[in-house]
Amino acid sequence: MIRREVIIKNTTGLHLRPAGIFCNTASNYKCRIMFEYGGTISNAKSVLSILGACVKKGDSIVLICDGEDEEEGMEAMMREIENGLGE
């Protein structure tokens, strides 16, 4: 299991379009991909979980990847977040 803290930089936070990109990226990997925000752990492969977390610009989340391709999954998630999740 690996964990990494990251700040959401895109202007609108994790609203529908960025949440979709976040979810689609996570879904490409076999490992479990979750994120912790506000004391709650949410499934990064579920758009509803992502939207329900209400993550906004400047918020810090902790990505958690656990499984056989966790390193690749973490790299891909970090890359998408750094690239602004399509914004």
C-alpha atoms as a PDB file:
ATOM      1  CA  MET A   1       0.000   0.000   0.000  1.00  0.00           C
ATOM      2  CA  ILE A   2       1.279   3.449  -0.889  1.00  0.00           C
ATOM      3  CA  ARG A   3      -0.055   6.840   0.176  1.00  0.00           C
ATOM      4  CA  ARG A   4       0.693  10.262  -1.197  1.00  0.00           C
ATOM      5  CA  GLU A   5      -0.671  13.673  -0.274  1.00  0.00           C
ATOM      6  CA  VAL A   6      -1.573  16.012  -3.134  1.00  0.00           C
ATOM      7  CA  ILE A   7      -3.289  19.386  -3.479  1.00  0.00           C
ATOM      8  CA  ILE A   8      -6.130  19.739  -5.974  1.00  0.00           C
ATOM      9  CA  LYS A   9      -5.131  22.635  -8.239  1.00  0.00           C
ATOM     10  CA  ASN A  10      -7.824  22.837 -10.886  1.00  0.00           C
ATOM     11  CA  THR A  11     -10.149  25.815 -10.637  1.00  0.00           C
ATOM     12  CA  THR A  12     -13.394  24.020  -9.898  1.00  0.00           C
ATOM     13  CA  GLY A  13     -12.141  21.188  -7.698  1.00  0.00           C
ATOM     14  CA  LEU A  14     -13.567  17.708  -8.284  1.00  0.00           C
ATOM     15  CA  HIS A  15     -16.874  18.602  -9.948  1.00  0.00           C
ATOM     16  CA  LEU A  16     -18.427  16.339 -12.603  1.00  0.00           C
ATOM     17  CA  ARG A  17     -15.948  16.530 -15.502  1.00  0.00           C
ATOM     18  CA  PRO A  18     -12.746  16.320 -13.423  1.00  0.00           C
ATOM     19  CA  ALA A  19     -14.377  13.650 -11.234  1.00  0.00           C
ATOM     20  CA  GLY A  20     -15.055  11.623 -14.389  1.00  0.00           C
ATOM     21  CA  ILE A  21     -11.418  11.881 -15.458  1.00  0.00           C
ATOM     22  CA  PHE A  22     -10.287  11.012 -11.911  1.00  0.00           C
ATOM     23  CA  CYS A  23     -12.595   7.967 -11.892  1.00  0.00           C
ATOM     24  CA  ASN A  24     -11.697   6.792 -15.422  1.00  0.00           C
ATOM     25  CA  THR A  25      -7.984   7.009 -14.657  1.00  0.00           C
ATOM     26  CA  ALA A  26      -8.409   5.002 -11.435  1.00  0.00           C
ATOM     27  CA  SER A  27     -10.556   2.411 -13.240  1.00  0.00           C
ATOM     28  CA  ASN A  28      -7.688   1.588 -15.611  1.00  0.00           C
ATOM     29  CA  TYR A  29      -5.829  -0.177 -12.779  1.00  0.00           C
ATOM     30  CA  LYS A  30      -6.456  -3.429 -10.919  1.00  0.00           C
ATOM     31  CA  CYS A  31      -5.341  -2.080  -7.546  1.00  0.00           C
ATOM     32  CA  ARG A  32      -7.748  -0.441  -5.132  1.00  0.00           C
ATOM     33  CA  ILE A  33      -7.474   3.322  -5.474  1.00  0.00           C
ATOM     34  CA  MET A  34      -8.988   5.462  -2.765  1.00  0.00           C
ATOM     35  CA  PHE A  35      -8.535   8.938  -1.386  1.00  0.00           C
ATOM     36  CA  GLU A  36      -8.846  10.374   2.084  1.00  0.00           C
ATOM     37  CA  TYR A  37     -10.409  13.784   2.596  1.00  0.00           C
ATOM     38  CA  GLY A  38     -12.085  15.294   5.619  1.00  0.00           C
ATOM     39  CA  GLY A  39     -11.570  12.160   7.701  1.00  0.00           C
ATOM     40  CA  THR A  40     -13.372   9.965   5.165  1.00  0.00           C
ATOM     41  CA  ILE A  41     -11.916   7.424   2.742  1.00  0.00           C
ATOM     42  CA  SER A  42     -13.658   7.379  -0.645  1.00  0.00           C
ATOM     43  CA  ASN A  43     -13.450   5.072  -3.644  1.00  0.00           C
ATOM     44  CA  ALA A  44     -11.651   6.805  -6.526  1.00  0.00           C
ATOM     45  CA  LYS A  45     -13.339   4.408  -8.981  1.00  0.00           C
ATOM     46  CA  SER A  46     -16.805   5.762  -8.119  1.00  0.00           C
ATOM     47  CA  VAL A  47     -17.919   9.115  -9.541  1.00  0.00           C
ATOM     48  CA  LEU A  48     -20.590   9.388  -6.840  1.00  0.00           C
ATOM     49  CA  SER A  49     -18.011   8.878  -4.088  1.00  0.00           C
ATOM     50  CA  ILE A  50     -15.766  11.510  -5.654  1.00  0.00           C
ATOM     51  CA  LEU A  51     -18.571  14.049  -6.022  1.00  0.00           C
ATOM     52  CA  GLY A  52     -19.843  13.294  -2.512  1.00  0.00           C
ATOM     53  CA  ALA A  53     -16.472  14.228  -1.023  1.00  0.00           C
ATOM     54  CA  CYS A  54     -16.945  17.872  -2.179  1.00  0.00           C
ATOM     55  CA  VAL A  55     -13.228  18.464  -2.827  1.00  0.00           C
ATOM     56  CA  LYS A  56     -12.497  22.058  -3.858  1.00  0.00           C
ATOM     57  CA  LYS A  57      -9.546  23.908  -5.327  1.00  0.00           C
ATOM     58  CA  GLY A  58      -6.672  24.075  -2.857  1.00  0.00           C
ATOM     59  CA  ASP A  59      -7.899  21.123  -0.802  1.00  0.00           C
ATOM     60  CA  SER A  60      -5.371  18.479   0.157  1.00  0.00           C
ATOM     61  CA  ILE A  61      -6.260  14.803  -0.335  1.00  0.00           C
ATOM     62  CA  VAL A  62      -4.295  11.639   0.377  1.00  0.00           C
ATOM     63  CA  LEU A  63      -4.283   9.152  -2.502  1.00  0.00           C
ATOM     64  CA  ILE A  64      -4.074   5.511  -1.448  1.00  0.00           C
ATOM     65  CA  CYS A  65      -3.228   2.708  -3.876  1.00  0.00           C
ATOM     66  CA  ASP A  66      -3.161  -0.920  -2.778  1.00  0.00           C
ATOM     67  CA  GLY A  67      -2.572  -3.914  -5.030  1.00  0.00           C
ATOM     68  CA  GLU A  68      -0.493  -5.419  -7.775  1.00  0.00           C
ATOM     69  CA  ASP A  69      -0.148  -2.324  -9.994  1.00  0.00           C
ATOM     70  CA  GLU A  70      -0.253   0.286  -7.214  1.00  0.00           C
ATOM     71  CA  GLU A  71       2.912   2.109  -8.366  1.00  0.00           C
ATOM     72  CA  GLU A  72       1.582   2.582 -11.904  1.00  0.00           C
ATOM     73  CA  GLY A  73      -1.833   3.584 -10.595  1.00  0.00           C
ATOM     74  CA  MET A  74      -0.354   6.181  -8.260  1.00  0.00           C
ATOM     75  CA  GLU A  75       1.811   7.620 -11.047  1.00  0.00           C
ATOM     76  CA  ALA A  76      -1.177   7.955 -13.366  1.00  0.00           C
ATOM     77  CA  MET A  77      -3.385   9.563 -10.708  1.00  0.00           C
ATOM     78  CA  MET A  78      -0.675  12.058  -9.733  1.00  0.00           C
ATOM     79  CA  ARG A  79      -0.056  12.915 -13.393  1.00  0.00           C
ATOM     80  CA  GLU A  80      -3.766  13.616 -14.013  1.00  0.00           C
ATOM     81  CA  ILE A  81      -4.041  15.787 -10.908  1.00  0.00           C
ATOM     82  CA  GLU A  82      -0.877  17.725 -11.804  1.00  0.00           C
ATOM     83  CA  ASN A  83      -2.298  18.260 -15.324  1.00  0.00           C
ATOM     84  CA  GLY A  84      -5.465  19.800 -13.885  1.00  0.00           C
ATOM     85  CA  LEU A  85      -7.891  16.907 -14.559  1.00  0.00           C
ATOM     86  CA  GLY A  86      -8.858  18.203 -17.997  1.00  0.00           C
ATOM     87  CA  GLU A  87      -9.180  21.870 -17.077  1.00  0.00           C
END
